[in-house]
Amino acid sequence: MNVILGIVAVIAIIFFIVGGMVKAMGFLLWVAPILLVLAIIVFLFRMMSGRRGV
């Protein structure tokens, strides 16, 4: 009986971790395009302004 309880506990922990990762990935899928657009805008602005700094 203790073995079954241990297996169920391990499976529950794995599901908890996977569920958290899926939520984090869903959040990142919304944030990543926004950051990409901002990076492109900054890149284009720096190219048009002619600054050659690092």
Foldseek 3Di string as FASTA:
>chain_A
DVVVVVVVVVVVVVVVVVVVVVVVVVVCVVVVVVVVVVVVVVVVVCVVVVDDDD
